[in-house]
Protein backbone atom coordinates (compact mmCIF):
# COMPACT_ATOMS: atom_id res chain seq x y z
CA UNK A 1 -8.71 26.59 27.89
CA UNK A 2 -12.04 28.25 27.14
CA UNK A 3 -11.80 27.29 23.47
CA UNK A 4 -11.08 23.69 24.44
CA UNK A 5 -14.20 23.58 26.62
CA UNK A 6 -16.34 25.04 23.84
CA UNK A 7 -14.93 22.53 21.35
CA UNK A 8 -15.52 19.67 23.81
CA UNK A 9 -19.18 20.62 24.36
CA UNK A 10 -19.77 21.10 20.64
CA UNK A 11 -18.32 17.66 19.90
CA UNK A 12 -20.41 16.12 22.69
CA UNK A 13 -23.62 17.78 21.46
CA UNK A 14 -22.79 16.72 17.91
CA UNK A 15 -22.37 13.10 18.98
CA UNK A 16 -25.64 13.18 20.91
CA UNK A 17 -27.34 14.69 17.85
CA UNK A 18 -25.97 11.90 15.63
CA UNK A 19 -27.18 9.26 18.09
CA UNK A 20 -30.65 10.82 18.17
CA UNK A 21 -30.77 11.23 14.38
CA UNK A 22 -29.78 7.61 13.72
CA UNK A 23 -32.30 6.27 16.25
CA UNK A 24 -35.15 8.65 15.50
CA UNK A 25 -37.76 5.94 15.16
CA UNK A 26 -36.91 4.53 18.59
CA UNK A 27 -36.88 7.90 20.37
CA UNK A 28 -40.13 9.09 18.79
CA UNK A 29 -42.02 5.86 19.55
CA UNK A 30 -44.68 6.20 22.23
CA UNK A 31 -44.61 3.84 25.19
CA UNK A 32 -46.34 3.73 28.53
CA UNK A 33 -44.66 2.76 31.77
CA UNK A 34 -46.36 0.71 34.45
CA UNK A 35 -45.27 0.38 38.06
CA UNK A 36 -46.67 -2.57 39.99
CA UNK A 37 -46.63 -2.12 43.76
CA UNK A 38 -47.78 -4.74 46.20
CA UNK A 39 -50.79 -2.61 47.07
CA UNK A 40 -51.60 -1.34 43.63
CA UNK A 41 -50.68 -0.73 40.02
CA UNK A 42 -49.77 2.67 38.56
CA UNK A 43 -49.70 3.43 34.84
CA UNK A 44 -47.76 6.42 33.50
CA UNK A 45 -49.41 7.76 30.33
CA UNK A 46 -47.87 7.04 26.98
CA UNK A 47 -45.09 9.49 26.09
CA UNK A 48 -42.33 9.49 23.54
CA UNK A 49 -39.24 7.69 24.75
CA UNK A 50 -37.15 10.83 24.20
CA UNK A 51 -39.33 12.61 26.77
CA UNK A 52 -38.69 9.84 29.27
CA UNK A 53 -34.95 10.26 28.70
CA UNK A 54 -35.27 14.01 29.17
CA UNK A 55 -37.44 13.71 32.31
CA UNK A 56 -35.13 11.21 34.00
CA UNK A 57 -32.07 13.27 33.05
CA UNK A 58 -33.58 16.42 34.59
CA UNK A 59 -34.66 14.52 37.72
CA UNK A 60 -31.07 13.25 38.08
CA UNK A 61 -29.73 16.79 37.72
CA UNK A 62 -32.10 18.04 40.42
CA UNK A 63 -31.19 15.20 42.78
CA UNK A 64 -27.46 15.82 42.32
CA UNK A 65 -27.97 19.58 42.79
CA UNK A 66 -29.88 19.21 46.04
CA UNK A 67 -27.59 16.50 47.40
CA UNK A 68 -24.53 18.75 47.02
CA UNK A 69 -26.27 21.89 48.27
CA UNK A 70 -25.19 21.50 51.91
CA UNK A 71 -21.58 20.88 50.88
CA UNK A 72 -21.61 24.09 48.85
CA UNK A 73 -22.96 26.08 51.81
CA UNK A 74 -20.19 24.71 54.04
CA UNK A 75 -17.58 25.44 51.38
CA UNK A 76 -18.89 28.99 50.91
CA UNK A 77 -18.74 29.59 54.69
CA UNK A 78 -15.18 28.24 54.83
CA UNK A 79 -14.10 30.41 51.90
CA UNK A 80 -15.63 33.50 53.52
CA UNK A 81 -13.85 32.72 56.82
CA UNK A 82 -10.50 32.17 55.08
CA UNK A 83 -10.89 35.40 53.08
CA UNK A 84 -11.52 37.31 56.32
CA UNK A 85 -8.39 35.75 57.85
CA UNK A 86 -6.43 36.71 54.73
CA UNK A 87 -7.59 40.33 54.99
CA UNK A 88 -6.64 40.45 58.69
CA UNK A 89 -3.21 38.94 57.94
CA UNK A 90 -2.70 41.44 55.10
CA UNK A 91 -3.50 44.32 57.48
CA UNK A 92 -1.03 42.95 60.04
CA UNK A 93 1.67 42.67 57.37
CA UNK A 94 1.08 46.23 56.17
CA UNK A 95 1.16 47.51 59.79
CA UNK A 96 4.41 45.65 60.44
CA UNK A 97 5.94 46.98 57.22
CA UNK A 98 4.94 50.53 58.16
CA UNK A 99 6.43 50.04 61.63
CA UNK A 100 9.64 48.69 60.12
CA UNK A 101 9.89 51.63 57.72
CA UNK A 102 9.35 54.13 60.53
CA UNK A 103 12.04 52.45 62.65
CA UNK A 104 14.45 52.44 59.72
CA UNK A 105 13.75 56.14 59.18
CA UNK A 106 14.25 56.85 62.89
CA UNK A 107 17.55 54.90 62.89
CA UNK A 108 18.76 56.82 59.83
CA UNK A 109 17.85 60.13 61.46
CA UNK A 110 19.64 59.10 64.65
CA UNK A 111 22.77 58.16 62.67
CA UNK A 112 22.70 61.49 60.78
CA UNK A 113 22.48 63.54 63.96
CA UNK A 114 25.45 61.79 65.52
CA UNK A 115 27.74 61.88 62.47
CA UNK A 116 26.50 65.10 60.91
CA UNK A 117 27.74 67.38 63.66
CA UNK A 118 31.45 68.12 63.68
CA UNK A 119 32.93 67.39 66.99
CA UNK A 120 35.86 69.44 68.10
CA UNK A 121 38.48 67.20 69.54
CA UNK A 122 41.26 68.94 71.31
CA UNK A 123 44.71 68.18 70.03
CA UNK A 124 47.31 67.01 72.42
């Protein structure tokens, strides 16, 4: 599976490289962005379009990371709780198995003491 993932990412990066290479003039062109609010106008300085793509991609990654952060904390807490319960259940199982083994050994010893001694039965 690891080789498939590596191959997938290499193919994806190759396709992105081909897209960038074929549209180099567009991505390297400088453009400015203006935002017109009701109370004012804001001009972002001229940057290459590829930088805009990169900036908005990274901002999207950060937004998705921080939006899923609380879910990951809850999931980590749940996993820790379930692992603790699993350890407790494993200890109970091992204690019960040890108790069962000791009872089996006690039963075997009790059977050996009854049948191992020769009883003298008087003949009639």
